[in-house]
Amino acid sequence: MFKKLGPGVLVAAAFIGPGTVTACTLAGVNFGYSLLWAMLLSIIATYVLQEMSARLGIITQKGLADVIKQELSNPLIRNSVITLIFSAIIIGNASYEAGNIGGATLGMEALFGLSYNNLYPVILGLAAFSLLFFGNYKSLEKVFIFLVLIMSLSFVMTAVLTQPNLWELVKGLFVPSIPEDGILTIIALVGTTVVPYNLFLHAALVSEKWKSEKDLKLAKRDTLVSIILGGLVSISIIISAAAIKSTEVNNVLDMAKALEPLYGSAALYFMGIGLLSAGITSAITAPLAAAYVANSCFGWKAEFKDAKFRFIWILILVLGVVFLSFGIKPIEIIKFAQITNGLLLPIIAIFLLWVVNRVGVMGKYKNTLVQNCIGLAIILLSILLGAKSILTVLGLF
């Protein structure tokens, strides 16, 4: 089964980044198992959108931004959407990259201590650079399958060590409830799982790996298994965090340290390995997605090893290492990225649902009625998430 996994693994690795890990940690510490249903909802929404994106990539053999340029005939609308995509994903991923490398750094601190922590960002940056520069899509795929499996095992083993109450676990998954002060955490859980740039990354990667309509079944299974693995990681983190009675937990490293006296050093090492894997995979997928989007936006038609393609991911990777190493926090750039991503998610969700219903584009592989109903529900959710993100940045929420 794992030999047949492909682009979906990179998508799962991309959404299980430091932001998701932190959101899941705080959800578990503050609300126990009661918000597991929100994570389950996020996983379902992610699968539905990613399956549409993968199907579109295989049928059209194009990236999502290429299809947008093709299908939006009005130049003003087309150029506005392409500008928004560029702003949200290229600039956004550059500003978030320091957080991805920072998450992996926390994992290294848990495993190797603080003696050389100033060097960790540079070591991680060089590791990400080497994989992207010297590797190709196939080698990246193999590395990511290994890292996602390690990450899944690490976080699941930590959750098992905490010996969760199975009845409370099932109740949390399938009986929705909104605790007092829980609404922002619910939005955070969904917002860190349903990620706009993953839709662009997925469509681009499947069109490289699979060339025939006969591969749709493989792509669907790849997406399903990968998103389930990613969801299992998120749920395991919430379960692990729920075992902590202290509220003095602000990130996953705090959680790892809090679990150590209760469940032994194994909990600390499992969490460290998991966090390192989550950080390094996101630190690779964010620049990679930005390069694919730039490739489509500018119409370069560049290959994986072309200089233009490499320039984009190298720029984002270097910015991430520099920002983290020197403690630079580009607050205004991050706020701009949050606003553009808040606008982009509902717009892309609406466009994706529209285009996968077009017979001229998808032929007999257009959406079914059930897929459309679920898609409409996800669009409403994406509008809520986008509005919350923008209002938060503007200080109105």
Protein backbone atom coordinates (compact mmCIF):
# COMPACT_ATOMS: atom_id res chain seq x y z
CA MET A 1 0.00 0.00 0.00
CA PHE A 2 2.77 2.45 0.93
CA LYS A 3 4.63 1.81 -2.34
CA LYS A 4 1.59 3.17 -4.20
CA LEU A 5 1.37 6.35 -2.15
CA GLY A 6 2.31 9.52 -3.99
CA PRO A 7 1.46 13.24 -4.01
CA GLY A 8 -1.11 12.84 -1.23
CA VAL A 9 1.70 12.18 1.24
CA LEU A 10 3.28 15.55 0.48
CA VAL A 11 -0.13 17.18 1.02
CA ALA A 12 -0.56 15.42 4.38
CA ALA A 13 2.96 16.44 5.38
CA ALA A 14 2.22 20.03 4.38
CA PHE A 15 -0.85 20.45 6.58
CA ILE A 16 0.74 18.70 9.58
CA GLY A 17 3.09 21.60 10.25
CA PRO A 18 3.97 23.47 13.44
CA GLY A 19 0.75 25.53 13.23
CA THR A 20 -1.44 22.42 13.22
CA VAL A 21 0.63 20.78 15.95
CA THR A 22 0.32 23.87 18.18
CA ALA A 23 -3.44 24.24 17.53
CA CYS A 24 -4.01 20.55 18.36
CA THR A 25 -1.87 20.82 21.50
CA LEU A 26 -3.83 23.80 22.83
CA ALA A 27 -7.14 22.14 21.90
CA GLY A 28 -6.23 19.04 23.92
CA VAL A 29 -4.81 20.90 26.92
CA ASN A 30 -7.73 23.35 27.20
CA PHE A 31 -10.70 21.22 26.11
CA GLY A 32 -9.67 17.57 26.41
CA TYR A 33 -11.36 15.30 23.87
CA SER A 34 -14.36 17.58 23.31
CA LEU A 35 -13.05 19.15 20.06
CA LEU A 36 -12.03 15.94 18.32
CA TRP A 37 -15.18 16.21 16.18
CA ALA A 38 -13.87 19.52 14.77
CA MET A 39 -10.66 17.83 13.68
CA LEU A 40 -12.66 14.97 12.10
CA LEU A 41 -14.72 17.59 10.22
CA SER A 42 -11.50 19.27 9.06
CA ILE A 43 -10.13 15.96 7.75
CA ILE A 44 -13.32 15.29 5.76
CA ALA A 45 -13.30 18.82 4.30
CA THR A 46 -9.61 18.50 3.39
CA TYR A 47 -10.16 15.16 1.66
CA VAL A 48 -13.10 16.47 -0.41
CA LEU A 49 -11.19 19.54 -1.63
CA GLN A 50 -7.94 17.66 -2.26
CA GLU A 51 -9.74 14.90 -4.18
CA MET A 52 -11.29 17.54 -6.45
CA SER A 53 -7.90 19.17 -6.96
CA ALA A 54 -6.21 15.84 -7.75
CA ARG A 55 -8.98 14.85 -10.19
CA LEU A 56 -8.67 18.22 -11.93
CA GLY A 57 -4.87 17.83 -12.18
CA ILE A 58 -5.07 14.39 -13.79
CA ILE A 59 -7.88 15.17 -16.25
CA THR A 60 -6.46 18.53 -17.40
CA GLN A 61 -2.75 17.66 -16.90
CA LYS A 62 -2.34 21.21 -15.59
CA GLY A 63 -1.81 22.97 -12.28
CA LEU A 64 -4.73 24.74 -10.59
CA ALA A 65 -3.40 28.24 -11.42
CA ASP A 66 -3.05 27.20 -15.10
CA VAL A 67 -6.69 26.07 -15.17
CA ILE A 68 -7.78 29.35 -13.55
CA LYS A 69 -5.92 31.32 -16.25
CA GLN A 70 -7.55 29.15 -18.92
CA GLU A 71 -11.13 29.22 -17.63
CA LEU A 72 -11.51 32.83 -16.46
CA SER A 73 -12.06 34.71 -19.72
CA ASN A 74 -12.50 38.20 -18.23
CA PRO A 75 -8.96 39.70 -18.09
CA LEU A 76 -9.70 41.88 -15.03
CA ILE A 77 -11.09 38.98 -12.98
CA ARG A 78 -8.37 36.60 -14.20
CA ASN A 79 -5.51 38.98 -13.38
CA SER A 80 -7.03 39.90 -10.01
CA VAL A 81 -7.30 36.24 -8.99
CA ILE A 82 -3.76 35.43 -10.21
CA THR A 83 -2.40 38.44 -8.27
CA LEU A 84 -4.25 37.26 -5.16
CA ILE A 85 -2.85 33.72 -5.58
CA PHE A 86 0.68 35.08 -5.97
CA SER A 87 0.31 37.35 -2.93
CA ALA A 88 -1.22 34.68 -0.69
CA ILE A 89 1.05 31.76 -1.56
CA ILE A 90 4.42 33.18 -2.64
CA ILE A 91 4.56 35.99 -0.07
CA GLY A 92 2.60 33.99 2.51
CA ASN A 93 4.82 30.92 2.35
CA ALA A 94 7.91 33.12 2.59
CA SER A 95 6.62 34.73 5.79
CA TYR A 96 5.51 31.42 7.33
CA GLU A 97 8.68 29.49 6.48
CA ALA A 98 10.48 30.65 9.64
CA GLY A 99 7.66 29.04 11.66
CA ASN A 100 8.08 25.74 9.82
CA ILE A 101 11.82 25.65 10.47
CA GLY A 102 11.18 26.83 14.04
CA GLY A 103 8.87 23.87 14.65
CA ALA A 104 11.53 21.44 13.46
CA THR A 105 14.04 23.25 15.71
CA LEU A 106 11.82 22.54 18.74
CA GLY A 107 11.89 18.87 17.78
CA MET A 108 15.69 18.93 17.67
CA GLU A 109 15.77 20.64 21.07
CA ALA A 110 13.62 17.86 22.52
CA LEU A 111 15.92 15.20 21.07
CA PHE A 112 19.38 16.76 21.38
CA GLY A 113 19.08 19.48 24.01
CA LEU A 114 19.88 23.18 23.84
CA SER A 115 23.68 23.04 23.56
CA TYR A 116 23.79 23.80 19.83
CA ASN A 117 20.29 25.21 19.30
CA ASN A 118 21.64 28.29 17.47
CA LEU A 119 22.88 25.97 14.72
CA TYR A 120 19.64 23.99 14.37
CA PRO A 121 17.92 26.40 11.88
CA VAL A 122 21.00 26.33 9.60
CA ILE A 123 21.27 22.52 9.80
CA LEU A 124 17.57 22.15 8.97
CA GLY A 125 17.80 24.71 6.16
CA LEU A 126 20.73 22.82 4.62
CA ALA A 127 18.86 19.50 4.94
CA ALA A 128 15.79 20.95 3.17
CA PHE A 129 18.02 22.56 0.51
CA SER A 130 19.85 19.29 -0.18
CA LEU A 131 16.62 17.32 -0.60
CA LEU A 132 15.15 19.87 -3.00
CA PHE A 133 18.34 20.66 -4.94
CA PHE A 134 19.83 17.21 -5.40
CA GLY A 135 16.61 15.23 -5.40
CA ASN A 136 13.73 14.93 -7.84
CA TYR A 137 10.01 14.34 -7.39
CA LYS A 138 10.40 10.56 -6.99
CA SER A 139 13.13 10.83 -4.35
CA LEU A 140 11.13 13.50 -2.48
CA GLU A 141 8.12 11.21 -2.51
CA LYS A 142 10.09 8.36 -0.91
CA VAL A 143 11.57 10.65 1.76
CA PHE A 144 8.14 12.05 2.59
CA ILE A 145 6.51 8.62 2.84
CA PHE A 146 9.22 7.68 5.35
CA LEU A 147 8.89 10.94 7.33
CA VAL A 148 5.07 10.84 7.42
CA LEU A 149 5.11 7.24 8.64
CA ILE A 150 7.70 8.12 11.32
CA MET A 151 5.64 11.17 12.31
CA SER A 152 2.42 9.12 12.47
CA LEU A 153 4.02 6.37 14.57
CA SER A 154 5.65 8.90 16.91
CA PHE A 155 2.48 10.83 17.70
CA VAL A 156 0.27 7.71 17.83
CA MET A 157 2.70 6.00 20.24
CA THR A 158 2.63 9.10 22.45
CA ALA A 159 -1.19 9.01 22.46
CA VAL A 160 -1.18 5.28 23.34
CA LEU A 161 1.22 5.94 26.25
CA THR A 162 -1.35 8.28 27.80
CA GLN A 163 -3.93 5.43 27.95
CA PRO A 164 -6.95 7.49 26.80
CA ASN A 165 -10.50 6.83 27.97
CA LEU A 166 -12.00 5.11 24.90
CA TRP A 167 -15.62 6.10 25.64
CA GLU A 168 -14.68 9.77 26.04
CA LEU A 169 -12.57 9.48 22.87
CA VAL A 170 -15.48 8.14 20.78
CA LYS A 171 -17.82 10.73 22.29
CA GLY A 172 -15.41 13.54 21.42
CA LEU A 173 -15.14 12.33 17.82
CA PHE A 174 -18.81 11.82 17.04
CA VAL A 175 -20.81 14.04 19.45
CA PRO A 176 -20.22 17.70 18.52
CA SER A 177 -20.08 20.17 21.37
CA ILE A 178 -18.78 23.72 21.64
CA PRO A 179 -17.27 24.40 25.06
CA GLU A 180 -17.21 27.91 26.48
CA ASP A 181 -14.42 29.90 24.75
CA GLY A 182 -13.96 26.99 22.32
CA ILE A 183 -15.11 28.62 19.07
CA LEU A 184 -11.73 30.22 18.26
CA THR A 185 -9.96 26.91 18.82
CA ILE A 186 -12.43 25.15 16.50
CA ILE A 187 -11.73 27.75 13.79
CA ALA A 188 -7.97 27.32 14.37
CA LEU A 189 -8.20 23.53 14.00
CA VAL A 190 -10.10 23.77 10.72
CA GLY A 191 -8.01 26.69 9.43
CA THR A 192 -4.66 24.96 9.93
CA THR A 193 -5.89 21.76 8.23
CA VAL A 194 -7.74 23.16 5.19
CA VAL A 195 -4.77 24.95 3.56
CA PRO A 196 -5.14 26.86 0.23
CA TYR A 197 -1.61 26.19 -1.09
CA ASN A 198 -2.14 22.43 -0.77
CA LEU A 199 -4.77 22.58 -3.52
CA PHE A 200 -2.20 24.07 -5.92
CA LEU A 201 0.55 21.69 -4.80
CA HIS A 202 -1.67 18.61 -5.20
CA ALA A 203 -2.91 19.45 -8.72
CA ALA A 204 0.66 20.14 -9.89
CA LEU A 205 2.12 16.96 -8.38
CA VAL A 206 -0.55 14.54 -9.65
CA SER A 207 -0.19 15.91 -13.18
CA GLU A 208 3.53 15.07 -12.97
CA LYS A 209 3.05 11.58 -11.54
CA TRP A 210 -0.07 10.35 -13.36
CA LYS A 211 -0.88 10.92 -17.04
CA SER A 212 -4.05 8.89 -17.66
CA GLU A 213 -7.69 8.86 -16.58
CA LYS A 214 -7.06 5.24 -15.55
CA ASP A 215 -4.92 6.60 -12.71
CA LEU A 216 -7.85 8.38 -11.06
CA LYS A 217 -8.51 5.38 -8.81
CA LEU A 218 -4.88 5.34 -7.64
CA ALA A 219 -4.97 9.09 -7.02
CA LYS A 220 -8.19 8.83 -5.02
CA ARG A 221 -6.77 6.05 -2.83
CA ASP A 222 -3.50 7.93 -2.41
CA THR A 223 -5.41 11.04 -1.28
CA LEU A 224 -7.65 9.09 1.11
CA VAL A 225 -4.86 7.11 2.80
CA SER A 226 -2.59 10.16 3.09
CA ILE A 227 -5.25 12.48 4.53
CA ILE A 228 -6.29 9.77 7.01
CA LEU A 229 -2.65 9.42 8.11
CA GLY A 230 -2.41 13.18 8.53
CA GLY A 231 -5.68 13.26 10.44
CA LEU A 232 -4.50 10.45 12.70
CA VAL A 233 -1.48 12.56 13.62
CA SER A 234 -3.66 15.56 14.53
CA ILE A 235 -6.07 13.45 16.58
CA SER A 236 -3.16 11.76 18.37
CA ILE A 237 -1.70 15.14 19.38
CA ILE A 238 -5.06 16.24 20.82
CA ILE A 239 -5.32 12.97 22.76
CA SER A 240 -1.78 13.32 24.09
CA ALA A 241 -2.36 16.93 25.14
CA ALA A 242 -5.63 16.00 26.88
CA ALA A 243 -3.62 13.89 29.34
CA ILE A 244 -1.94 17.03 30.74
CA LYS A 245 -3.69 18.65 33.67
CA SER A 246 -1.46 21.76 33.71
CA THR A 247 -2.52 24.84 31.74
CA GLU A 248 1.10 26.05 31.51
CA VAL A 249 1.45 24.61 28.02
CA ASN A 250 1.89 27.01 25.11
CA ASN A 251 3.46 24.75 22.48
CA VAL A 252 4.18 21.11 21.71
CA LEU A 253 7.60 21.16 23.38
CA ASP A 254 5.95 22.24 26.64
CA MET A 255 3.58 19.29 26.20
CA ALA A 256 6.47 16.87 25.61
CA LYS A 257 8.19 18.05 28.78
CA ALA A 258 4.92 17.81 30.75
CA LEU A 259 4.36 14.25 29.56
CA GLU A 260 7.88 13.09 30.48
CA PRO A 261 7.42 12.79 34.29
CA LEU A 262 4.03 11.10 33.80
CA TYR A 263 4.90 8.62 31.04
CA GLY A 264 8.71 8.47 30.96
CA SER A 265 11.35 9.81 28.58
CA ALA A 266 9.82 7.81 25.69
CA ALA A 267 7.00 10.39 25.50
CA LEU A 268 9.52 13.24 25.14
CA TYR A 269 11.47 11.43 22.40
CA PHE A 270 8.36 10.36 20.50
CA MET A 271 7.07 13.94 20.53
CA GLY A 272 10.51 15.27 19.52
CA ILE A 273 10.75 12.92 16.53
CA GLY A 274 7.19 13.75 15.51
CA LEU A 275 7.71 17.50 15.76
CA LEU A 276 11.02 17.34 13.86
CA SER A 277 9.31 15.37 11.07
CA ALA A 278 6.33 17.77 10.98
CA GLY A 279 8.58 20.83 10.82
CA ILE A 280 11.03 19.59 8.19
CA THR A 281 8.29 18.30 5.86
CA SER A 282 6.44 21.63 6.01
CA ALA A 283 9.73 23.49 5.57
CA ILE A 284 10.14 21.61 2.26
CA THR A 285 6.55 21.64 0.95
CA ALA A 286 5.98 25.39 1.51
CA PRO A 287 8.85 26.50 -0.82
CA LEU A 288 7.98 23.71 -3.26
CA ALA A 289 4.33 24.81 -3.48
CA ALA A 290 5.41 28.42 -3.95
CA ALA A 291 7.68 27.40 -6.85
CA TYR A 292 4.85 25.48 -8.56
CA VAL A 293 2.46 28.42 -8.14
CA ALA A 294 5.01 30.92 -9.49
CA ASN A 295 5.64 28.57 -12.41
CA SER A 296 1.93 28.63 -13.29
CA CYS A 297 1.32 32.34 -12.54
CA PHE A 298 4.18 33.49 -14.79
CA GLY A 299 3.65 30.79 -17.43
CA TRP A 300 7.25 29.57 -17.21
CA LYS A 301 6.55 25.88 -17.94
CA ALA A 302 9.75 25.21 -15.96
CA GLU A 303 10.85 21.73 -14.90
CA PHE A 304 11.77 20.65 -11.36
CA LYS A 305 15.49 21.44 -11.85
CA ASP A 306 15.13 24.61 -13.94
CA ALA A 307 16.85 27.74 -12.62
CA LYS A 308 13.61 29.79 -12.36
CA PHE A 309 11.84 27.05 -10.42
CA ARG A 310 14.81 26.64 -8.09
CA PHE A 311 15.15 30.39 -7.54
CA ILE A 312 11.67 30.61 -5.94
CA TRP A 313 12.08 27.78 -3.46
CA ILE A 314 15.67 28.79 -2.60
CA LEU A 315 14.52 32.37 -1.91
CA ILE A 316 11.74 31.22 0.44
CA LEU A 317 13.99 28.72 2.21
CA VAL A 318 16.75 31.31 2.75
CA LEU A 319 14.26 33.89 4.04
CA GLY A 320 12.91 31.34 6.54
CA VAL A 321 16.38 30.50 7.90
CA VAL A 322 17.44 34.18 8.07
CA PHE A 323 14.22 35.32 9.77
CA LEU A 324 14.50 32.55 12.38
CA SER A 325 18.25 32.78 12.98
CA PHE A 326 18.21 36.56 13.55
CA GLY A 327 14.86 36.69 15.34
CA ILE A 328 13.28 38.81 12.58
CA LYS A 329 9.47 38.80 12.71
CA PRO A 330 8.05 40.35 9.53
CA ILE A 331 4.75 41.19 11.26
CA GLU A 332 3.32 43.39 8.51
CA ILE A 333 4.18 40.80 5.83
CA ILE A 334 2.58 38.05 7.93
CA LYS A 335 -0.57 40.17 8.41
CA PHE A 336 -0.72 40.80 4.66
CA ALA A 337 -0.33 37.06 4.01
CA GLN A 338 -3.10 36.24 6.51
CA ILE A 339 -5.50 38.66 4.81
CA THR A 340 -4.72 37.37 1.29
CA ASN A 341 -5.02 33.74 2.44
CA GLY A 342 -8.32 34.61 4.14
CA LEU A 343 -9.58 35.93 0.81
CA LEU A 344 -8.04 33.12 -1.25
CA LEU A 345 -9.55 30.07 0.49
CA PRO A 346 -13.24 30.79 -0.29
CA ILE A 347 -12.42 32.11 -3.79
CA ILE A 348 -10.41 28.99 -4.69
CA ALA A 349 -13.01 26.68 -3.10
CA ILE A 350 -15.76 28.34 -5.19
CA PHE A 351 -13.66 28.18 -8.38
CA LEU A 352 -12.69 24.55 -7.76
CA LEU A 353 -16.32 23.51 -7.25
CA TRP A 354 -17.34 25.42 -10.38
CA VAL A 355 -14.62 24.02 -12.63
CA VAL A 356 -15.04 20.36 -11.57
CA ASN A 357 -18.70 20.67 -12.64
CA ARG A 358 -17.81 21.84 -16.14
CA VAL A 359 -18.33 19.08 -18.68
CA GLY A 360 -16.01 20.91 -21.10
CA VAL A 361 -13.17 20.55 -18.59
CA MET A 362 -13.91 17.32 -16.71
CA GLY A 363 -16.05 15.34 -19.15
CA LYS A 364 -17.65 12.34 -17.46
CA TYR A 365 -15.48 12.88 -14.38
CA LYS A 366 -17.35 15.96 -13.22
CA ASN A 367 -18.75 16.14 -9.68
CA THR A 368 -21.69 14.08 -8.45
CA LEU A 369 -24.65 15.59 -6.57
CA VAL A 370 -23.30 14.34 -3.22
CA GLN A 371 -19.87 15.86 -3.91
CA ASN A 372 -21.53 19.18 -4.77
CA CYS A 373 -23.57 19.22 -1.56
CA ILE A 374 -20.47 18.57 0.54
CA GLY A 375 -18.55 21.11 -1.54
CA LEU A 376 -21.15 23.83 -0.87
CA ALA A 377 -20.95 23.14 2.87
CA ILE A 378 -17.15 23.47 2.68
CA ILE A 379 -17.47 26.78 0.79
CA LEU A 380 -19.65 28.17 3.60
CA LEU A 381 -17.06 26.97 6.10
CA SER A 382 -14.23 28.54 4.06
CA ILE A 383 -16.07 31.89 3.97
CA LEU A 384 -16.39 31.76 7.78
CA LEU A 385 -12.68 30.91 8.15
CA GLY A 386 -11.61 33.59 5.68
CA ALA A 387 -13.73 36.27 7.37
CA LYS A 388 -12.39 35.31 10.80
CA SER A 389 -8.79 35.47 9.57
CA ILE A 390 -9.25 38.94 8.04
CA LEU A 391 -11.19 40.35 11.01
CA THR A 392 -8.57 39.01 13.44
CA VAL A 393 -5.75 40.73 11.55
CA LEU A 394 -7.74 43.99 11.47
CA GLY A 395 -8.37 43.69 15.23
CA LEU A 396 -12.13 43.43 14.83
CA PHE A 397 -12.55 39.83 16.14
